[in-house]
Protein backbone atom coordinates (compact mmCIF):
# COMPACT_ATOMS: atom_id res chain seq x y z
CA MET A 1 -0.21 0.10 0.11
CA ILE A 2 2.72 2.54 1.01
CA ASP A 3 4.82 1.72 -2.12
CA ASN A 4 1.99 2.79 -4.10
CA PHE A 5 1.59 5.86 -2.57
CA LEU A 6 5.23 6.85 -2.73
CA ASN A 7 5.47 5.87 -6.60
CA ILE A 8 5.61 9.24 -8.48
CA GLY A 9 5.29 8.89 -11.86
CA MET A 10 5.21 11.30 -15.09
CA MET A 11 1.68 12.33 -14.52
CA HIS A 12 2.40 13.74 -11.18
CA TYR A 13 4.96 15.87 -12.63
CA LEU A 14 2.93 16.99 -15.31
CA ILE A 15 0.02 17.89 -12.95
CA PHE A 16 2.19 19.90 -10.94
CA ALA A 17 3.69 21.80 -13.69
CA PHE A 18 0.18 22.38 -14.89
CA ILE A 19 -0.61 23.81 -11.69
CA LEU A 20 2.28 26.19 -11.65
CA PHE A 21 1.41 27.12 -15.17
CA LEU A 22 -2.27 28.02 -14.09
CA THR A 23 -0.77 29.92 -10.86
CA GLY A 24 1.61 32.06 -13.14
CA LEU A 25 -0.96 32.60 -15.68
CA LEU A 26 -3.56 33.79 -13.26
CA GLY A 27 -0.92 36.09 -11.53
CA VAL A 28 -0.24 37.57 -14.97
CA VAL A 29 -4.09 38.12 -15.78
CA VAL A 30 -5.14 39.31 -12.32
CA SER A 31 -2.26 41.38 -10.99
CA ARG A 32 -1.91 44.92 -11.69
CA ASN A 33 1.58 45.16 -9.96
CA LEU A 34 4.14 45.10 -12.49
CA LEU A 35 6.82 43.24 -10.13
CA ARG A 36 4.15 40.81 -9.44
CA ILE A 37 3.65 40.25 -13.28
CA VAL A 38 7.25 39.72 -13.84
CA MET A 39 7.18 37.13 -11.12
CA SER A 40 4.34 35.30 -12.52
CA LEU A 41 6.15 35.14 -15.85
CA PHE A 42 9.16 33.41 -14.05
CA ILE A 43 6.66 31.03 -12.67
CA LEU A 44 5.42 30.23 -16.08
CA THR A 45 8.87 29.57 -17.24
CA VAL A 46 9.76 27.43 -14.56
CA SER A 47 6.37 25.31 -15.11
CA ILE A 48 7.36 25.02 -18.81
CA VAL A 49 11.09 23.92 -17.60
CA LEU A 50 9.64 21.41 -15.30
CA SER A 51 7.56 19.71 -18.25
CA PHE A 52 10.41 19.60 -20.53
CA LEU A 53 12.61 17.77 -17.68
CA THR A 54 9.48 15.49 -17.26
CA PHE A 55 9.49 14.41 -20.69
CA GLY A 56 13.28 14.34 -20.98
CA CYS A 57 13.38 11.88 -18.34
CA TYR A 58 10.50 9.56 -19.08
CA CYS A 59 10.93 9.44 -22.58
CA ASP A 60 14.98 9.34 -22.94
CA ASN A 61 15.49 7.68 -19.74
CA SER A 62 18.25 9.87 -18.71
CA LEU A 63 18.21 13.59 -17.95
CA ASP A 64 21.76 14.58 -19.69
CA ASN A 65 20.16 16.21 -22.62
CA ALA A 66 17.27 17.71 -20.90
CA ASN A 67 19.45 19.30 -18.02
CA ILE A 68 21.71 20.85 -20.31
CA ILE A 69 18.77 22.55 -22.33
CA SER A 70 16.89 23.39 -19.25
CA ILE A 71 19.74 25.07 -17.41
CA PHE A 72 19.98 27.18 -20.61
CA ILE A 73 16.49 28.35 -20.59
CA LEU A 74 16.59 29.08 -16.83
CA MET A 75 19.77 31.21 -17.39
CA VAL A 76 18.33 33.25 -20.09
CA SER A 77 15.21 33.54 -18.16
CA VAL A 78 16.95 34.84 -14.85
CA LEU A 79 18.58 37.18 -17.13
CA GLN A 80 15.35 38.61 -18.64
CA ILE A 81 14.06 38.91 -14.97
CA ILE A 82 17.28 40.93 -13.91
CA MET A 83 16.62 43.28 -16.97
CA ALA A 84 12.88 43.44 -16.12
CA VAL A 85 13.66 44.40 -12.34
CA VAL A 86 16.31 47.15 -13.44
CA ILE A 87 13.55 48.66 -15.70
CA LEU A 88 10.83 48.46 -13.12
CA TYR A 89 13.31 50.10 -10.82
CA LYS A 90 13.63 52.86 -13.25
CA ILE A 91 9.79 53.35 -13.56
CA TYR A 92 9.38 53.24 -9.82
CA GLN A 93 12.20 56.06 -9.68
CA THR A 94 10.05 58.22 -11.89
CA ASN A 95 6.43 57.44 -10.80
CA GLU A 96 6.91 56.44 -7.27
CA TYR A 97 4.62 53.42 -7.77
CA LEU A 98 4.52 50.32 -9.92
CA ASP A 99 0.49 49.93 -10.73
CA ALA A 100 0.11 49.40 -14.29
CA GLU A 101 -3.22 51.11 -14.40
CA LYS A 102 -1.81 54.25 -12.54
CA ILE A 103 1.12 54.40 -15.14
CA LYS A 104 -1.39 53.98 -18.02
CA ASP A 105 -3.66 56.57 -16.90
CA LYS A 106 -0.66 59.14 -16.45
CA GLU A 107 0.40 58.73 -20.13
CA ASN A 108 -2.74 60.15 -21.37
C-alpha cells in the first residue's frame, strides 16, 4: 500500500507543472502590480522547464540532454528577470509606484 503511495510517475510531475502554469497565468492576468507580473512570468517559465524535464526523463530515460537545455533556458530566464527588475526600478524612480493602471492613466 505505501509503495503505491510513494511511487511518483510522469503524470504527477505534469499535473504539478500544470498547476504552476495556471498559477503563473492567473498572476499575469489578475495582477496590476508590474513586479508581481514579472514574478508570475518566471513561474510560467519554471513550469515549462519542469514539463520539459519530465518528458526528457521519461521518454529518453536519462536527464543529460534535458538538464543541459533546461539550465540554458533558466539562465536566459533569469537574465530576462534581472533586466525587467532594472526597468521596473527605473519606472519606480520616476513614478513612485508600479501600478500598471496608474502608469497607463498618467500617459494619457
